[in-house]
């Protein structure tokens, strides 16, 4: 992924992202954690444990999609004002390879920020033996909601 360089609208953007992520009960349930926050960029990891597998032993596509969506959403949130929140309004994901290995890493990135809508992408990689494999890629559109808590 080619990274763009964006300026956050306020200095507490990383804390805002962390606080919002802490309120996501599903992310906690699957064991996901944020590993990187920069303006317009967020990485989320989840362990590839048996409880998250589908019937063939790969991490379920729903988990892959969820971390991609959250990584992209938090990348967008990092560029909005302190009181703003975001919601996903569109998402398309392509599964490219089975998600196996020790963990999955979703790397979300803002492509085009906007006042109301922000276009993002997220790539999801599986990690096995220190090597990454691209397993999914997605495009997401996020809407700014000034009245939302996060």
C-alpha atoms as a PDB file:
ATOM      1  CA  UNK A   1       0.000   0.000   0.000  1.00  0.00           C
ATOM      2  CA  UNK A   2       1.289   3.452  -0.867  1.00  0.00           C
ATOM      3  CA  UNK A   3       0.859   5.761   2.093  1.00  0.00           C
ATOM      4  CA  UNK A   4      -0.486   9.269   1.824  1.00  0.00           C
ATOM      5  CA  UNK A   5       0.568  11.934   4.292  1.00  0.00           C
ATOM      6  CA  UNK A   6      -2.266  13.611   6.190  1.00  0.00           C
ATOM      7  CA  UNK A   7      -2.425  16.120   9.018  1.00  0.00           C
ATOM      8  CA  UNK A   8      -4.785  15.331  11.903  1.00  0.00           C
ATOM      9  CA  UNK A   9      -7.309  18.024  12.878  1.00  0.00           C
ATOM     10  CA  UNK A  10      -6.362  17.791  16.549  1.00  0.00           C
ATOM     11  CA  UNK A  11      -3.420  16.457  18.534  1.00  0.00           C
ATOM     12  CA  UNK A  12      -5.399  13.870  20.516  1.00  0.00           C
ATOM     13  CA  UNK A  13      -6.356  11.803  17.458  1.00  0.00           C
ATOM     14  CA  UNK A  14      -4.504   8.648  18.618  1.00  0.00           C
ATOM     15  CA  UNK A  15      -6.140   8.692  22.056  1.00  0.00           C
ATOM     16  CA  UNK A  16      -9.540   9.222  20.408  1.00  0.00           C
ATOM     17  CA  UNK A  17      -8.962   6.162  18.200  1.00  0.00           C
ATOM     18  CA  UNK A  18      -7.789   4.040  21.154  1.00  0.00           C
ATOM     19  CA  UNK A  19     -10.768   5.087  23.301  1.00  0.00           C
ATOM     20  CA  UNK A  20     -13.248   4.286  20.557  1.00  0.00           C
ATOM     21  CA  UNK A  21     -11.591   0.947  19.865  1.00  0.00           C
ATOM     22  CA  UNK A  22     -11.811   0.092  23.585  1.00  0.00           C
ATOM     23  CA  UNK A  23     -15.609   0.502  23.305  1.00  0.00           C
ATOM     24  CA  UNK A  24     -15.827  -2.058  20.479  1.00  0.00           C
ATOM     25  CA  UNK A  25     -16.910  -5.197  22.301  1.00  0.00           C
ATOM     26  CA  UNK A  26     -16.686  -7.379  19.188  1.00  0.00           C
ATOM     27  CA  UNK A  27     -13.027  -6.466  18.657  1.00  0.00           C
ATOM     28  CA  UNK A  28     -12.305  -7.404  22.285  1.00  0.00           C
ATOM     29  CA  UNK A  29     -14.281 -10.632  21.860  1.00  0.00           C
ATOM     30  CA  UNK A  30     -12.103 -11.791  18.949  1.00  0.00           C
ATOM     31  CA  UNK A  31      -8.868 -10.680  20.640  1.00  0.00           C
ATOM     32  CA  UNK A  32      -8.088  -7.853  18.217  1.00  0.00           C
ATOM     33  CA  UNK A  33      -5.741  -5.029  19.130  1.00  0.00           C
ATOM     34  CA  UNK A  34      -4.468  -1.873  17.485  1.00  0.00           C
ATOM     35  CA  UNK A  35      -0.745  -2.029  16.726  1.00  0.00           C
ATOM     36  CA  UNK A  36      -0.231   1.202  14.767  1.00  0.00           C
ATOM     37  CA  UNK A  37      -1.909   4.608  14.656  1.00  0.00           C
ATOM     38  CA  UNK A  38      -0.788   7.481  12.453  1.00  0.00           C
ATOM     39  CA  UNK A  39      -2.874  10.181  10.757  1.00  0.00           C
ATOM     40  CA  UNK A  40      -4.922   8.315   8.155  1.00  0.00           C
ATOM     41  CA  UNK A  41      -3.393   4.908   8.984  1.00  0.00           C
ATOM     42  CA  UNK A  42      -4.402   2.227  11.508  1.00  0.00           C
ATOM     43  CA  UNK A  43      -3.258  -1.402  11.822  1.00  0.00           C
ATOM     44  CA  UNK A  44      -5.243  -4.036  13.713  1.00  0.00           C
ATOM     45  CA  UNK A  45      -4.055  -7.564  14.559  1.00  0.00           C
ATOM     46  CA  UNK A  46      -6.059 -10.597  15.605  1.00  0.00           C
ATOM     47  CA  UNK A  47      -4.683 -13.995  16.639  1.00  0.00           C
ATOM     48  CA  UNK A  48      -5.601 -16.879  14.325  1.00  0.00           C
ATOM     49  CA  UNK A  49      -7.132 -19.070  17.027  1.00  0.00           C
ATOM     50  CA  UNK A  50      -9.403 -22.078  16.492  1.00  0.00           C
ATOM     51  CA  UNK A  51     -12.446 -20.206  17.839  1.00  0.00           C
ATOM     52  CA  UNK A  52     -12.252 -17.884  14.803  1.00  0.00           C
ATOM     53  CA  UNK A  53     -11.927 -20.635  12.182  1.00  0.00           C
ATOM     54  CA  UNK A  54     -14.516 -21.749   9.675  1.00  0.00           C
ATOM     55  CA  UNK A  55     -15.092 -25.416   8.812  1.00  0.00           C
ATOM     56  CA  UNK A  56     -11.910 -25.736   6.696  1.00  0.00           C
ATOM     57  CA  UNK A  57      -9.578 -24.443   9.409  1.00  0.00           C
ATOM     58  CA  UNK A  58      -9.057 -20.929   8.024  1.00  0.00           C
ATOM     59  CA  UNK A  59      -9.940 -17.710   9.843  1.00  0.00           C
ATOM     60  CA  UNK A  60     -13.560 -16.930   8.984  1.00  0.00           C
ATOM     61  CA  UNK A  61     -14.191 -14.309   6.305  1.00  0.00           C
ATOM     62  CA  UNK A  62     -16.397 -12.402   8.737  1.00  0.00           C
ATOM     63  CA  UNK A  63     -13.433 -11.868  11.063  1.00  0.00           C
ATOM     64  CA  UNK A  64     -11.232 -10.853   8.132  1.00  0.00           C
ATOM     65  CA  UNK A  65     -13.873  -8.379   6.969  1.00  0.00           C
ATOM     66  CA  UNK A  66     -14.442  -7.013  10.476  1.00  0.00           C
ATOM     67  CA  UNK A  67     -10.790  -6.149  11.094  1.00  0.00           C
ATOM     68  CA  UNK A  68     -10.460  -4.653   7.601  1.00  0.00           C
ATOM     69  CA  UNK A  69     -13.551  -2.494   8.191  1.00  0.00           C
ATOM     70  CA  UNK A  70     -12.347  -1.395  11.631  1.00  0.00           C
ATOM     71  CA  UNK A  71      -8.811  -0.599  10.450  1.00  0.00           C
ATOM     72  CA  UNK A  72     -10.179   1.534   7.603  1.00  0.00           C
ATOM     73  CA  UNK A  73     -12.770   3.166   9.863  1.00  0.00           C
ATOM     74  CA  UNK A  74     -10.235   4.113  12.493  1.00  0.00           C
ATOM     75  CA  UNK A  75      -7.869   5.412   9.819  1.00  0.00           C
ATOM     76  CA  UNK A  76     -10.698   7.735   8.761  1.00  0.00           C
ATOM     77  CA  UNK A  77     -11.582   8.657  12.349  1.00  0.00           C
ATOM     78  CA  UNK A  78      -7.992   9.763  12.968  1.00  0.00           C
ATOM     79  CA  UNK A  79      -8.517  12.636  10.510  1.00  0.00           C
ATOM     80  CA  UNK A  80     -11.807  14.006  11.863  1.00  0.00           C
ATOM     81  CA  UNK A  81     -12.421  16.544  14.610  1.00  0.00           C
ATOM     82  CA  UNK A  82     -12.456  15.647  18.287  1.00  0.00           C
ATOM     83  CA  UNK A  83     -16.251  15.349  18.612  1.00  0.00           C
ATOM     84  CA  UNK A  84     -16.832  13.502  15.334  1.00  0.00           C
ATOM     85  CA  UNK A  85     -17.592   9.830  14.832  1.00  0.00           C
ATOM     86  CA  UNK A  86     -17.718   7.675  11.710  1.00  0.00           C
ATOM     87  CA  UNK A  87     -19.919   4.953  10.276  1.00  0.00           C
ATOM     88  CA  UNK A  88     -19.228   2.635   7.364  1.00  0.00           C
ATOM     89  CA  UNK A  89     -21.625   3.373   4.496  1.00  0.00           C
ATOM     90  CA  UNK A  90     -20.091   1.111   1.839  1.00  0.00           C
ATOM     91  CA  UNK A  91     -17.697  -1.824   1.877  1.00  0.00           C
ATOM     92  CA  UNK A  92     -16.354  -4.191  -0.748  1.00  0.00           C
ATOM     93  CA  UNK A  93     -13.873  -6.910   0.073  1.00  0.00           C
ATOM     94  CA  UNK A  94     -12.038  -9.412  -2.120  1.00  0.00           C
ATOM     95  CA  UNK A  95     -10.712 -12.584  -0.532  1.00  0.00           C
ATOM     96  CA  UNK A  96      -7.448 -13.461  -2.269  1.00  0.00           C
ATOM     97  CA  UNK A  97      -6.116 -16.454  -0.323  1.00  0.00           C
ATOM     98  CA  UNK A  98      -7.095 -18.595   2.678  1.00  0.00           C
ATOM     99  CA  UNK A  99      -6.465 -16.788   5.979  1.00  0.00           C
ATOM    100  CA  UNK A 100      -4.186 -19.092   7.943  1.00  0.00           C
ATOM    101  CA  UNK A 101      -1.059 -18.654  10.035  1.00  0.00           C
ATOM    102  CA  UNK A 102      -0.488 -17.287  13.530  1.00  0.00           C
ATOM    103  CA  UNK A 103      -2.327 -13.974  13.172  1.00  0.00           C
ATOM    104  CA  UNK A 104      -4.022 -11.611  10.755  1.00  0.00           C
ATOM    105  CA  UNK A 105      -2.985  -7.996  10.291  1.00  0.00           C
ATOM    106  CA  UNK A 106      -5.368  -5.448   8.764  1.00  0.00           C
ATOM    107  CA  UNK A 107      -3.734  -2.263   7.491  1.00  0.00           C
ATOM    108  CA  UNK A 108      -6.269   0.500   6.977  1.00  0.00           C
ATOM    109  CA  UNK A 109      -5.426   3.662   5.082  1.00  0.00           C
ATOM    110  CA  UNK A 110      -7.293   6.765   3.986  1.00  0.00           C
ATOM    111  CA  UNK A 111      -7.222   7.220   0.227  1.00  0.00           C
ATOM    112  CA  UNK A 112      -9.293  10.419  -0.041  1.00  0.00           C
ATOM    113  CA  UNK A 113     -10.452  12.331   3.016  1.00  0.00           C
ATOM    114  CA  UNK A 114     -13.541  14.488   2.816  1.00  0.00           C
ATOM    115  CA  UNK A 115     -15.705  16.740   4.950  1.00  0.00           C
ATOM    116  CA  UNK A 116     -18.521  14.169   5.073  1.00  0.00           C
ATOM    117  CA  UNK A 117     -17.294  11.047   3.241  1.00  0.00           C
ATOM    118  CA  UNK A 118     -13.826   9.482   3.362  1.00  0.00           C
ATOM    119  CA  UNK A 119     -12.684   6.703   1.026  1.00  0.00           C
ATOM    120  CA  UNK A 120     -10.342   4.117   2.539  1.00  0.00           C
ATOM    121  CA  UNK A 121      -8.755   0.815   1.735  1.00  0.00           C
ATOM    122  CA  UNK A 122      -7.611  -2.025   3.901  1.00  0.00           C
ATOM    123  CA  UNK A 123      -5.326  -4.926   3.118  1.00  0.00           C
ATOM    124  CA  UNK A 124      -5.368  -7.988   5.354  1.00  0.00           C
ATOM    125  CA  UNK A 125      -2.307 -10.190   5.682  1.00  0.00           C
ATOM    126  CA  UNK A 126      -1.801 -13.526   7.382  1.00  0.00           C
ATOM    127  CA  UNK A 127       1.465 -13.950   9.275  1.00  0.00           C
ATOM    128  CA  UNK A 128       3.139 -17.356   9.379  1.00  0.00           C
ATOM    129  CA  UNK A 129       6.759 -18.016  10.268  1.00  0.00           C
ATOM    130  CA  UNK A 130       7.605 -14.320  10.073  1.00  0.00           C
ATOM    131  CA  UNK A 131       6.262 -14.033   6.511  1.00  0.00           C
ATOM    132  CA  UNK A 132       3.206 -12.065   5.404  1.00  0.00           C
ATOM    133  CA  UNK A 133       0.697 -13.237   2.803  1.00  0.00           C
ATOM    134  CA  UNK A 134      -1.988 -10.940   1.383  1.00  0.00           C
ATOM    135  CA  UNK A 135      -5.334 -12.669   2.021  1.00  0.00           C
ATOM    136  CA  UNK A 136      -7.885  -9.895   1.412  1.00  0.00           C
ATOM    137  CA  UNK A 137      -8.196  -6.347   0.155  1.00  0.00           C
ATOM    138  CA  UNK A 138     -11.118  -3.991   0.481  1.00  0.00           C
ATOM    139  CA  UNK A 139     -12.422  -0.518  -0.273  1.00  0.00           C
ATOM    140  CA  UNK A 140     -14.596   1.274   2.226  1.00  0.00           C
ATOM    141  CA  UNK A 141     -16.468   4.573   2.394  1.00  0.00           C
ATOM    142  CA  UNK A 142     -16.850   6.161   5.824  1.00  0.00           C
ATOM    143  CA  UNK A 143     -19.345   8.878   6.747  1.00  0.00           C
ATOM    144  CA  UNK A 144     -18.606  11.521   9.353  1.00  0.00           C
ATOM    145  CA  UNK A 145     -21.267  11.822  12.040  1.00  0.00           C
ATOM    146  CA  UNK A 146     -20.619  14.831  14.287  1.00  0.00           C
ATOM    147  CA  UNK A 147     -23.210  13.676  16.814  1.00  0.00           C
ATOM    148  CA  UNK A 148     -21.631  10.270  17.491  1.00  0.00           C
ATOM    149  CA  UNK A 149     -19.670   9.685  20.698  1.00  0.00           C
ATOM    150  CA  UNK A 150     -16.531   8.427  18.882  1.00  0.00           C
END
